[in-house]
């Protein structure tokens, strides 16, 4: 009787695992297509748009549709959000999206003209995955770029993190923001964002 019960439980677990594995596989394919589509779009803009101002505007428009700007902005401010006044938070939330766009554009757009190979997709949860890729430089060598994409249930996928050679760009920025707030307060961070002094670092 006990043996029969264990068999039934094991069968039920396998029956449950099969659709979950299929869902993971479907989401992995969705995440891969999202990154392939983004790279193709950015690469086309980089290749075809010769005017720098129009190219920058087109890249920002494409990225704005695909990057989780509000989520990344909250992550980069981190615990410093508790120290900010409502007015400071409102200004930060207004300024930081353009900063993130410029940062992503500067870090990633220079890579998309290179040859890319997507190695694998690692699903982290039901709607969270890491798309692992390599860019082959024309000058030789490769750059490892991993793209974390995620979405709430029923929401479109968005890019939530970028790892270049294993290092998260947004973790670096969070550390910079925290150090700046510690040294100069929230007003100091806002002044840096207003002036554009943080861009390109």
N, C-alpha and C. Protein backbone atom coordinates (compact mmCIF):
# COMPACT_ATOMS: atom_id res chain seq x y z
N UNK A 1 0.83 -1.21 0.00
CA UNK A 1 0.00 0.00 0.00
C UNK A 1 0.87 1.26 0.00
N UNK A 2 1.91 1.24 0.84
CA UNK A 2 2.82 2.38 0.93
C UNK A 2 3.57 2.56 -0.38
N UNK A 3 4.01 1.43 -0.97
CA UNK A 3 4.72 1.47 -2.24
C UNK A 3 3.83 2.07 -3.32
N UNK A 4 2.54 1.67 -3.33
CA UNK A 4 1.61 2.18 -4.33
C UNK A 4 1.40 3.69 -4.17
N UNK A 5 1.36 4.15 -2.91
CA UNK A 5 1.18 5.58 -2.66
C UNK A 5 2.39 6.38 -3.15
N UNK A 6 3.60 5.87 -2.88
CA UNK A 6 4.82 6.55 -3.36
C UNK A 6 4.85 6.61 -4.88
N UNK A 7 4.41 5.51 -5.54
CA UNK A 7 4.36 5.49 -6.99
C UNK A 7 3.40 6.55 -7.53
N UNK A 8 2.24 6.68 -6.87
CA UNK A 8 1.24 7.66 -7.30
C UNK A 8 1.76 9.08 -7.13
N UNK A 9 2.44 9.33 -6.01
CA UNK A 9 3.00 10.66 -5.78
C UNK A 9 4.08 10.98 -6.80
N UNK A 10 4.93 10.00 -7.09
CA UNK A 10 5.99 10.21 -8.07
C UNK A 10 5.43 10.48 -9.44
N UNK A 11 4.38 9.76 -9.83
CA UNK A 11 3.75 9.97 -11.13
C UNK A 11 3.15 11.37 -11.21
N UNK A 12 2.51 11.80 -10.12
CA UNK A 12 1.91 13.14 -10.10
C UNK A 12 2.97 14.22 -10.23
N UNK A 13 4.13 14.02 -9.58
CA UNK A 13 5.22 15.00 -9.67
C UNK A 13 5.74 15.09 -11.09
N UNK A 14 5.88 13.94 -11.76
CA UNK A 14 6.34 13.94 -13.15
C UNK A 14 5.33 14.62 -14.06
N UNK A 15 4.05 14.37 -13.82
CA UNK A 15 3.00 14.98 -14.63
C UNK A 15 3.01 16.50 -14.48
N UNK A 16 3.32 16.99 -13.27
CA UNK A 16 3.39 18.43 -13.02
C UNK A 16 4.65 19.02 -13.64
N UNK A 17 5.77 18.29 -13.59
CA UNK A 17 7.04 18.80 -14.09
C UNK A 17 7.04 18.98 -15.60
N UNK A 18 6.32 18.14 -16.32
CA UNK A 18 6.32 18.20 -17.78
C UNK A 18 5.81 19.54 -18.31
N UNK A 19 4.62 20.01 -17.88
CA UNK A 19 4.18 21.32 -18.38
C UNK A 19 5.06 22.47 -17.90
N UNK A 20 5.64 22.37 -16.69
CA UNK A 20 6.53 23.41 -16.22
C UNK A 20 7.77 23.49 -17.09
N UNK A 21 8.32 22.32 -17.48
CA UNK A 21 9.49 22.30 -18.36
C UNK A 21 9.15 22.90 -19.71
N UNK A 22 7.96 22.61 -20.21
CA UNK A 22 7.52 23.16 -21.49
C UNK A 22 7.37 24.68 -21.40
N UNK A 23 6.84 25.16 -20.25
CA UNK A 23 6.71 26.60 -20.06
C UNK A 23 8.08 27.27 -20.02
N UNK A 24 9.04 26.65 -19.32
CA UNK A 24 10.41 27.18 -19.27
C UNK A 24 11.00 27.27 -20.67
N UNK A 25 10.79 26.22 -21.46
CA UNK A 25 11.34 26.19 -22.81
C UNK A 25 10.71 27.27 -23.68
N UNK A 26 9.40 27.46 -23.54
CA UNK A 26 8.70 28.49 -24.31
C UNK A 26 9.19 29.88 -23.92
N UNK A 27 9.37 30.10 -22.61
CA UNK A 27 9.85 31.41 -22.16
C UNK A 27 11.29 31.65 -22.60
N UNK A 28 12.11 30.61 -22.58
CA UNK A 28 13.50 30.74 -23.04
C UNK A 28 13.52 31.17 -24.50
N UNK A 29 12.64 30.60 -25.30
CA UNK A 29 12.56 31.00 -26.70
C UNK A 29 12.10 32.44 -26.85
N UNK A 30 11.14 32.85 -26.03
CA UNK A 30 10.66 34.23 -26.06
C UNK A 30 11.77 35.21 -25.68
N UNK A 31 12.54 34.86 -24.63
CA UNK A 31 13.64 35.72 -24.19
C UNK A 31 14.72 35.84 -25.28
N UNK A 32 15.02 34.72 -25.92
CA UNK A 32 16.02 34.73 -26.99
C UNK A 32 15.58 35.62 -28.15
N UNK A 33 14.33 35.49 -28.56
CA UNK A 33 13.82 36.31 -29.66
C UNK A 33 13.81 37.79 -29.29
N UNK A 34 13.51 38.08 -28.03
CA UNK A 34 13.51 39.48 -27.57
C UNK A 34 14.90 40.09 -27.76
N UNK A 35 15.94 39.39 -27.31
CA UNK A 35 17.30 39.92 -27.42
C UNK A 35 17.75 39.96 -28.87
N UNK A 36 17.45 38.93 -29.64
CA UNK A 36 17.81 38.93 -31.06
C UNK A 36 17.15 40.11 -31.79
N UNK A 37 15.88 40.36 -31.48
CA UNK A 37 15.18 41.48 -32.10
C UNK A 37 15.76 42.82 -31.70
N UNK A 38 16.11 42.97 -30.43
CA UNK A 38 16.70 44.22 -29.97
C UNK A 38 18.05 44.47 -30.64
N UNK A 39 18.88 43.44 -30.69
CA UNK A 39 20.20 43.59 -31.30
C UNK A 39 20.07 43.92 -32.78
N UNK A 40 19.15 43.25 -33.46
CA UNK A 40 18.96 43.52 -34.89
C UNK A 40 18.52 44.97 -35.11
N UNK A 41 17.60 45.45 -34.27
CA UNK A 41 17.11 46.82 -34.42
C UNK A 41 18.22 47.83 -34.15
N UNK A 42 18.96 47.65 -33.06
CA UNK A 42 20.03 48.58 -32.73
C UNK A 42 21.14 48.55 -33.79
N UNK A 43 21.46 47.37 -34.26
CA UNK A 43 22.49 47.23 -35.28
C UNK A 43 22.09 47.94 -36.57
N UNK A 44 20.82 47.80 -36.95
CA UNK A 44 20.34 48.47 -38.17
C UNK A 44 20.44 49.98 -38.04
N UNK A 45 20.09 50.51 -36.86
CA UNK A 45 20.20 51.95 -36.64
C UNK A 45 21.65 52.40 -36.72
N UNK A 46 22.55 51.67 -36.05
CA UNK A 46 23.97 52.01 -36.05
C UNK A 46 24.53 52.00 -37.46
N UNK A 47 24.07 51.06 -38.27
CA UNK A 47 24.62 50.90 -39.62
C UNK A 47 24.06 51.93 -40.60
N UNK A 48 22.76 52.21 -40.50
CA UNK A 48 22.10 53.01 -41.53
C UNK A 48 22.06 54.50 -41.23
N UNK A 49 21.99 54.87 -39.95
CA UNK A 49 21.82 56.29 -39.61
C UNK A 49 23.19 56.95 -39.44
N UNK A 50 23.55 57.79 -40.38
CA UNK A 50 24.89 58.41 -40.37
C UNK A 50 24.95 59.69 -39.53
N UNK A 51 23.82 60.39 -39.43
CA UNK A 51 23.81 61.62 -38.64
C UNK A 51 23.82 61.27 -37.16
N UNK A 52 24.76 61.80 -36.41
CA UNK A 52 24.93 61.41 -35.01
C UNK A 52 23.71 61.74 -34.16
N UNK A 53 23.15 62.92 -34.35
CA UNK A 53 21.99 63.31 -33.55
C UNK A 53 20.79 62.43 -33.81
N UNK A 54 20.51 62.15 -35.08
CA UNK A 54 19.37 61.29 -35.42
C UNK A 54 19.63 59.85 -34.98
N UNK A 55 20.90 59.41 -35.09
CA UNK A 55 21.21 58.05 -34.66
C UNK A 55 20.99 57.90 -33.16
N UNK A 56 21.44 58.88 -32.39
CA UNK A 56 21.27 58.83 -30.94
C UNK A 56 19.79 58.83 -30.57
N UNK A 57 19.02 59.68 -31.23
CA UNK A 57 17.58 59.75 -30.94
C UNK A 57 16.89 58.44 -31.30
N UNK A 58 17.28 57.84 -32.41
CA UNK A 58 16.67 56.57 -32.83
C UNK A 58 17.03 55.44 -31.88
N UNK A 59 18.28 55.41 -31.43
CA UNK A 59 18.70 54.39 -30.47
C UNK A 59 17.94 54.55 -29.16
N UNK A 60 17.81 55.78 -28.69
CA UNK A 60 17.10 56.01 -27.43
C UNK A 60 15.63 55.61 -27.55
N UNK A 61 15.01 55.90 -28.70
CA UNK A 61 13.62 55.54 -28.89
C UNK A 61 13.45 54.02 -28.87
N UNK A 62 14.37 53.31 -29.51
CA UNK A 62 14.30 51.85 -29.53
C UNK A 62 14.52 51.27 -28.13
N UNK A 63 15.49 51.80 -27.41
CA UNK A 63 15.80 51.30 -26.07
C UNK A 63 14.69 51.63 -25.08
N UNK A 64 14.07 52.79 -25.24
CA UNK A 64 13.00 53.19 -24.31
C UNK A 64 11.86 52.18 -24.32
N UNK A 65 11.63 51.54 -25.45
CA UNK A 65 10.58 50.55 -25.56
C UNK A 65 10.96 49.22 -24.92
N UNK A 66 12.25 49.01 -24.72
CA UNK A 66 12.72 47.68 -24.33
C UNK A 66 13.37 47.61 -22.95
N UNK A 67 13.78 48.74 -22.41
CA UNK A 67 14.53 48.75 -21.15
C UNK A 67 13.60 49.12 -20.00
N UNK A 68 13.71 48.39 -18.88
CA UNK A 68 12.88 48.64 -17.69
C UNK A 68 13.43 49.83 -16.92
N UNK A 69 13.19 51.02 -17.43
CA UNK A 69 13.83 52.23 -16.90
C UNK A 69 13.45 52.49 -15.45
N UNK A 70 12.17 52.39 -15.11
CA UNK A 70 11.74 52.68 -13.74
C UNK A 70 12.33 51.67 -12.76
N UNK A 71 12.30 50.40 -13.13
CA UNK A 71 12.83 49.34 -12.26
C UNK A 71 14.33 49.52 -12.04
N UNK A 72 15.06 49.80 -13.09
CA UNK A 72 16.51 49.98 -12.98
C UNK A 72 16.83 51.23 -12.16
N UNK A 73 16.05 52.29 -12.38
CA UNK A 73 16.26 53.51 -11.61
C UNK A 73 16.08 53.28 -10.12
N UNK A 74 15.05 52.54 -9.74
CA UNK A 74 14.83 52.23 -8.32
C UNK A 74 16.00 51.40 -7.78
N UNK A 75 16.45 50.43 -8.56
CA UNK A 75 17.56 49.58 -8.12
C UNK A 75 18.83 50.40 -7.89
N UNK A 76 19.14 51.32 -8.80
CA UNK A 76 20.38 52.08 -8.68
C UNK A 76 20.36 53.03 -7.49
N UNK A 77 19.20 53.56 -7.16
CA UNK A 77 19.13 54.45 -6.00
C UNK A 77 19.17 53.66 -4.70
N UNK A 78 18.59 52.47 -4.70
CA UNK A 78 18.70 51.56 -3.57
C UNK A 78 18.21 52.17 -2.26
N UNK A 79 18.98 51.94 -1.20
CA UNK A 79 18.60 52.38 0.14
C UNK A 79 18.59 53.90 0.27
N UNK A 80 19.26 54.60 -0.64
CA UNK A 80 19.29 56.07 -0.57
C UNK A 80 17.91 56.68 -0.81
N UNK A 81 17.00 55.91 -1.38
CA UNK A 81 15.65 56.41 -1.60
C UNK A 81 15.00 56.84 -0.29
N UNK A 82 15.32 56.14 0.80
CA UNK A 82 14.72 56.46 2.10
C UNK A 82 15.17 57.82 2.62
N UNK A 83 16.32 58.31 2.14
CA UNK A 83 16.85 59.58 2.61
C UNK A 83 16.32 60.77 1.82
N UNK A 84 15.68 60.49 0.69
CA UNK A 84 15.27 61.57 -0.22
C UNK A 84 13.91 62.13 0.17
N UNK A 85 13.72 63.42 -0.07
CA UNK A 85 12.42 64.04 0.11
C UNK A 85 11.52 63.68 -1.08
N UNK A 86 10.21 63.85 -0.96
CA UNK A 86 9.33 63.60 -2.11
C UNK A 86 9.72 64.42 -3.34
N UNK A 87 10.13 65.66 -3.14
CA UNK A 87 10.53 66.50 -4.28
C UNK A 87 11.80 65.96 -4.92
N UNK A 88 12.76 65.51 -4.10
CA UNK A 88 14.00 64.95 -4.65
C UNK A 88 13.72 63.66 -5.41
N UNK A 89 12.83 62.83 -4.87
CA UNK A 89 12.48 61.59 -5.57
C UNK A 89 11.81 61.88 -6.90
N UNK A 90 10.93 62.86 -6.91
CA UNK A 90 10.24 63.21 -8.16
C UNK A 90 11.25 63.68 -9.21
N UNK A 91 12.25 64.47 -8.79
CA UNK A 91 13.25 64.93 -9.75
C UNK A 91 14.14 63.78 -10.20
N UNK A 92 14.50 62.92 -9.26
CA UNK A 92 15.32 61.74 -9.62
C UNK A 92 14.59 60.88 -10.64
N UNK A 93 13.32 60.59 -10.39
CA UNK A 93 12.54 59.75 -11.30
C UNK A 93 12.38 60.41 -12.67
N UNK A 94 12.46 61.73 -12.71
CA UNK A 94 12.37 62.43 -13.99
C UNK A 94 13.69 62.41 -14.74
N UNK A 95 14.80 62.51 -14.00
CA UNK A 95 16.12 62.61 -14.63
C UNK A 95 16.73 61.26 -15.00
N UNK A 96 16.50 60.24 -14.16
CA UNK A 96 17.27 59.01 -14.31
C UNK A 96 16.97 58.21 -15.58
N UNK A 97 15.75 58.24 -16.14
CA UNK A 97 15.55 57.47 -17.37
C UNK A 97 16.48 57.88 -18.51
N UNK A 98 16.66 59.18 -18.73
CA UNK A 98 17.55 59.62 -19.79
C UNK A 98 19.00 59.24 -19.49
N UNK A 99 19.37 59.26 -18.21
CA UNK A 99 20.72 58.82 -17.83
C UNK A 99 20.92 57.35 -18.15
N UNK A 100 19.92 56.51 -17.82
CA UNK A 100 20.03 55.08 -18.10
C UNK A 100 20.12 54.83 -19.59
N UNK A 101 19.29 55.53 -20.37
CA UNK A 101 19.32 55.36 -21.82
C UNK A 101 20.70 55.69 -22.38
N UNK A 102 21.27 56.81 -21.93
CA UNK A 102 22.59 57.20 -22.42
C UNK A 102 23.65 56.19 -22.01
N UNK A 103 23.50 55.65 -20.80
CA UNK A 103 24.48 54.69 -20.29
C UNK A 103 24.41 53.39 -21.09
N UNK A 104 23.19 52.89 -21.32
CA UNK A 104 23.03 51.66 -22.09
C UNK A 104 23.50 51.88 -23.53
N UNK A 105 23.12 53.01 -24.10
CA UNK A 105 23.52 53.31 -25.47
C UNK A 105 25.04 53.32 -25.61
N UNK A 106 25.71 53.98 -24.67
CA UNK A 106 27.16 54.07 -24.74
C UNK A 106 27.85 52.74 -24.53
N UNK A 107 27.28 51.89 -23.69
CA UNK A 107 27.92 50.61 -23.36
C UNK A 107 27.61 49.53 -24.37
N UNK A 108 26.39 49.53 -24.92
CA UNK A 108 25.93 48.42 -25.74
C UNK A 108 25.95 48.73 -27.23
N UNK A 109 25.59 49.95 -27.62
CA UNK A 109 25.49 50.26 -29.04
C UNK A 109 26.80 50.01 -29.77
N UNK A 110 27.92 50.23 -29.09
CA UNK A 110 29.21 50.00 -29.74
C UNK A 110 29.48 48.52 -29.99
N UNK A 111 28.73 47.64 -29.31
CA UNK A 111 28.93 46.20 -29.48
C UNK A 111 28.07 45.62 -30.59
N UNK A 112 26.90 46.20 -30.84
CA UNK A 112 25.93 45.53 -31.69
C UNK A 112 26.36 45.47 -33.15
N UNK A 113 27.32 46.29 -33.55
CA UNK A 113 27.81 46.21 -34.92
C UNK A 113 28.77 45.04 -35.09
N UNK A 114 29.16 44.41 -34.00
CA UNK A 114 30.05 43.26 -34.06
C UNK A 114 29.23 41.98 -34.33
N UNK A 115 29.91 40.91 -34.61
CA UNK A 115 29.25 39.62 -34.84
C UNK A 115 28.87 39.01 -33.49
N UNK A 116 27.62 38.57 -33.35
CA UNK A 116 27.14 38.06 -32.07
C UNK A 116 26.73 36.60 -32.19
N UNK A 117 26.99 35.86 -31.15
CA UNK A 117 26.51 34.48 -31.05
C UNK A 117 25.81 34.31 -29.70
N UNK A 118 24.56 33.88 -29.71
CA UNK A 118 23.85 33.59 -28.47
C UNK A 118 24.13 32.14 -28.10
N UNK A 119 24.69 31.92 -26.94
CA UNK A 119 25.11 30.59 -26.51
C UNK A 119 23.99 29.79 -25.87
N UNK A 120 23.26 30.44 -24.95
CA UNK A 120 22.22 29.72 -24.23
C UNK A 120 21.30 30.70 -23.53
N UNK A 121 20.17 30.20 -23.09
CA UNK A 121 19.24 30.98 -22.27
C UNK A 121 19.01 30.21 -20.99
N UNK A 122 19.25 30.86 -19.86
CA UNK A 122 19.05 30.26 -18.56
C UNK A 122 17.82 30.88 -17.92
N UNK A 123 16.77 30.09 -17.71
CA UNK A 123 15.58 30.61 -17.05
C UNK A 123 15.82 30.64 -15.55
N UNK A 124 15.55 31.79 -14.95
CA UNK A 124 15.76 31.99 -13.52
C UNK A 124 14.46 31.75 -12.75
N UNK A 125 13.33 32.07 -13.38
CA UNK A 125 12.02 31.83 -12.79
C UNK A 125 11.03 31.81 -13.95
N UNK A 126 9.73 31.84 -13.63
CA UNK A 126 8.73 31.71 -14.68
C UNK A 126 8.81 32.83 -15.71
N UNK A 127 9.19 34.04 -15.29
CA UNK A 127 9.25 35.17 -16.23
C UNK A 127 10.54 35.96 -16.04
N UNK A 128 11.65 35.25 -15.89
CA UNK A 128 12.95 35.90 -15.66
C UNK A 128 14.02 34.98 -16.26
N UNK A 129 14.83 35.53 -17.16
CA UNK A 129 15.82 34.70 -17.84
C UNK A 129 17.10 35.48 -18.12
N UNK A 130 18.19 34.74 -18.30
CA UNK A 130 19.48 35.31 -18.65
C UNK A 130 19.86 34.77 -20.04
N UNK A 131 19.98 35.69 -20.99
CA UNK A 131 20.38 35.33 -22.35
C UNK A 131 21.88 35.58 -22.47
N UNK A 132 22.64 34.52 -22.68
CA UNK A 132 24.10 34.61 -22.68
C UNK A 132 24.62 34.67 -24.11
N UNK A 133 25.45 35.69 -24.38
CA UNK A 133 25.93 35.88 -25.74
C UNK A 133 27.40 36.28 -25.76
N UNK A 134 27.99 36.17 -26.94
CA UNK A 134 29.37 36.59 -27.16
C UNK A 134 29.42 37.48 -28.41
N UNK A 135 30.11 38.61 -28.27
CA UNK A 135 30.36 39.47 -29.42
C UNK A 135 31.80 39.24 -29.88
N UNK A 136 31.94 38.91 -31.15
CA UNK A 136 33.28 38.72 -31.71
C UNK A 136 33.74 40.03 -32.31
N UNK A 137 34.76 40.61 -31.74
CA UNK A 137 35.29 41.88 -32.24
C UNK A 137 35.95 41.67 -33.60
N UNK A 138 35.75 42.64 -34.48
CA UNK A 138 36.42 42.55 -35.78
C UNK A 138 37.92 42.60 -35.62
N UNK A 139 38.37 43.25 -34.57
CA UNK A 139 39.81 43.37 -34.33
C UNK A 139 40.38 42.13 -33.65
N UNK A 140 39.49 41.18 -33.31
CA UNK A 140 39.93 39.95 -32.65
C UNK A 140 39.46 39.90 -31.20
N UNK A 141 39.27 38.69 -30.70
CA UNK A 141 38.81 38.51 -29.32
C UNK A 141 37.29 38.60 -29.22
N UNK A 142 36.78 38.28 -28.05
CA UNK A 142 35.34 38.29 -27.83
C UNK A 142 35.01 39.03 -26.54
N UNK A 143 33.80 39.52 -26.47
CA UNK A 143 33.26 40.15 -25.27
C UNK A 143 32.03 39.36 -24.86
N UNK A 144 32.00 38.90 -23.62
CA UNK A 144 30.83 38.19 -23.09
C UNK A 144 29.80 39.21 -22.62
N UNK A 145 28.61 39.13 -23.17
CA UNK A 145 27.51 40.00 -22.74
C UNK A 145 26.31 39.13 -22.41
N UNK A 146 25.85 39.23 -21.17
CA UNK A 146 24.67 38.51 -20.71
C UNK A 146 23.55 39.52 -20.47
N UNK A 147 22.38 39.19 -20.95
CA UNK A 147 21.23 40.09 -20.89
C UNK A 147 20.17 39.47 -19.99
N UNK A 148 19.80 40.15 -18.91
CA UNK A 148 18.72 39.64 -18.07
C UNK A 148 17.42 40.29 -18.50
N UNK A 149 16.44 39.47 -18.82
CA UNK A 149 15.14 39.97 -19.25
C UNK A 149 14.08 39.41 -18.31
N UNK A 150 13.04 40.20 -18.07
CA UNK A 150 12.00 39.78 -17.15
C UNK A 150 10.70 40.50 -17.49
N UNK A 151 9.61 39.98 -16.95
CA UNK A 151 8.31 40.61 -17.15
C UNK A 151 7.34 40.10 -16.10
N UNK A 152 6.45 40.96 -15.69
CA UNK A 152 5.35 40.52 -14.84
C UNK A 152 4.36 39.71 -15.66
N UNK A 153 3.49 38.98 -14.99
CA UNK A 153 2.51 38.16 -15.69
C UNK A 153 1.64 39.03 -16.59
N UNK A 154 1.57 38.66 -17.86
CA UNK A 154 0.77 39.40 -18.82
C UNK A 154 1.42 40.67 -19.33
N UNK A 155 2.66 40.94 -18.90
CA UNK A 155 3.38 42.15 -19.32
C UNK A 155 4.44 41.79 -20.36
N UNK A 156 4.83 42.75 -21.22
CA UNK A 156 5.87 42.47 -22.22
C UNK A 156 7.24 42.35 -21.56
N UNK A 157 8.12 41.62 -22.20
CA UNK A 157 9.49 41.48 -21.70
C UNK A 157 10.21 42.82 -21.73
N UNK A 158 11.11 43.01 -20.77
CA UNK A 158 11.97 44.18 -20.75
C UNK A 158 13.37 43.77 -20.31
N UNK A 159 14.34 44.53 -20.73
CA UNK A 159 15.72 44.33 -20.30
C UNK A 159 15.88 44.93 -18.90
N UNK A 160 16.36 44.13 -17.93
CA UNK A 160 16.49 44.62 -16.56
C UNK A 160 17.94 44.66 -16.09
N UNK A 161 18.86 44.02 -16.81
CA UNK A 161 20.27 44.10 -16.43
C UNK A 161 21.13 43.67 -17.61
N UNK A 162 22.36 44.16 -17.62
CA UNK A 162 23.34 43.82 -18.64
C UNK A 162 24.65 43.52 -17.94
N UNK A 163 25.23 42.37 -18.24
CA UNK A 163 26.52 41.97 -17.67
C UNK A 163 27.55 41.92 -18.78
N UNK A 164 28.58 42.74 -18.68
CA UNK A 164 29.66 42.73 -19.66
C UNK A 164 30.86 42.05 -19.03
N UNK A 165 31.26 40.93 -19.61
CA UNK A 165 32.33 40.10 -19.04
C UNK A 165 32.07 39.79 -17.57
N UNK A 166 30.81 39.49 -17.26
CA UNK A 166 30.43 39.06 -15.92
C UNK A 166 30.13 40.16 -14.93
N UNK A 167 30.25 41.42 -15.34
CA UNK A 167 30.04 42.55 -14.43
C UNK A 167 28.76 43.28 -14.80
N UNK A 168 27.87 43.45 -13.82
CA UNK A 168 26.61 44.16 -14.05
C UNK A 168 26.86 45.66 -14.15
N UNK A 169 26.43 46.23 -15.28
CA UNK A 169 26.57 47.68 -15.47
C UNK A 169 25.76 48.44 -14.41
N UNK A 170 24.60 47.92 -14.05
CA UNK A 170 23.74 48.66 -13.14
C UNK A 170 24.17 48.50 -11.69
N UNK A 171 24.86 47.43 -11.35
CA UNK A 171 25.45 47.31 -10.01
C UNK A 171 26.57 48.33 -9.86
N UNK A 172 27.38 48.50 -10.91
CA UNK A 172 28.43 49.52 -10.87
C UNK A 172 27.82 50.89 -10.64
N UNK A 173 26.78 51.20 -11.37
CA UNK A 173 26.13 52.50 -11.22
C UNK A 173 25.50 52.66 -9.84
N UNK A 174 24.90 51.60 -9.31
CA UNK A 174 24.32 51.68 -7.95
C UNK A 174 25.40 52.02 -6.93
N UNK A 175 26.55 51.38 -7.05
CA UNK A 175 27.65 51.66 -6.12
C UNK A 175 28.11 53.11 -6.24
N UNK A 176 28.18 53.62 -7.48
CA UNK A 176 28.55 55.02 -7.69
C UNK A 176 27.52 55.96 -7.08
N UNK A 177 26.25 55.66 -7.28
CA UNK A 177 25.18 56.50 -6.73
C UNK A 177 25.23 56.51 -5.21
N UNK A 178 25.42 55.32 -4.60
CA UNK A 178 25.45 55.24 -3.14
C UNK A 178 26.62 56.05 -2.58
N UNK A 179 27.79 55.94 -3.24
CA UNK A 179 28.97 56.68 -2.77
C UNK A 179 28.74 58.19 -2.90
N UNK A 180 28.10 58.59 -3.98
CA UNK A 180 27.85 60.01 -4.19
C UNK A 180 26.86 60.57 -3.18
N UNK A 181 25.80 59.82 -2.90
CA UNK A 181 24.82 60.26 -1.90
C UNK A 181 25.47 60.34 -0.53
N UNK A 182 26.32 59.37 -0.22
CA UNK A 182 27.00 59.38 1.08
C UNK A 182 27.91 60.60 1.22
N UNK A 183 28.57 60.98 0.12
CA UNK A 183 29.51 62.10 0.18
C UNK A 183 28.82 63.46 0.07
N UNK A 184 27.80 63.57 -0.77
CA UNK A 184 27.23 64.88 -1.10
C UNK A 184 25.72 64.97 -0.88
N UNK A 185 25.12 63.87 -0.41
CA UNK A 185 23.69 63.87 -0.20
C UNK A 185 22.93 63.68 -1.51
N UNK A 186 21.63 63.57 -1.38
CA UNK A 186 20.78 63.40 -2.55
C UNK A 186 20.88 64.60 -3.48
N UNK A 187 21.07 65.78 -2.91
CA UNK A 187 21.20 66.98 -3.73
C UNK A 187 22.43 66.88 -4.64
N UNK A 188 23.50 66.27 -4.12
CA UNK A 188 24.71 66.10 -4.92
C UNK A 188 24.49 65.16 -6.10
N UNK A 189 23.77 64.06 -5.86
CA UNK A 189 23.46 63.13 -6.95
C UNK A 189 22.60 63.81 -8.01
N UNK A 190 21.60 64.54 -7.58
CA UNK A 190 20.74 65.23 -8.53
C UNK A 190 21.51 66.26 -9.35
N UNK A 191 22.43 66.95 -8.70
CA UNK A 191 23.24 67.94 -9.43
C UNK A 191 24.07 67.25 -10.50
N UNK A 192 24.62 66.09 -10.18
CA UNK A 192 25.43 65.33 -11.15
C UNK A 192 24.55 64.86 -12.31
N UNK A 193 23.34 64.41 -12.02
CA UNK A 193 22.44 63.96 -13.07
C UNK A 193 22.01 65.13 -13.96
N UNK A 194 21.77 66.28 -13.34
CA UNK A 194 21.37 67.46 -14.12
C UNK A 194 22.47 67.89 -15.06
N UNK A 195 23.69 67.88 -14.59
CA UNK A 195 24.82 68.40 -15.37
C UNK A 195 25.32 67.41 -16.41
N UNK A 196 24.96 66.14 -16.26
CA UNK A 196 25.48 65.12 -17.16
C UNK A 196 26.87 64.67 -16.82
N UNK A 197 27.38 65.06 -15.64
CA UNK A 197 28.75 64.75 -15.27
C UNK A 197 28.98 63.24 -15.08
N UNK A 198 27.92 62.49 -14.75
CA UNK A 198 28.08 61.06 -14.54
C UNK A 198 28.16 60.29 -15.84
N UNK A 199 27.64 60.87 -16.91
CA UNK A 199 27.59 60.16 -18.19
C UNK A 199 29.01 59.91 -18.70
N UNK A 200 29.21 58.70 -19.24
CA UNK A 200 30.50 58.38 -19.84
C UNK A 200 31.54 57.90 -18.88
N UNK A 201 31.23 57.87 -17.58
CA UNK A 201 32.22 57.37 -16.61
C UNK A 201 32.34 55.85 -16.71
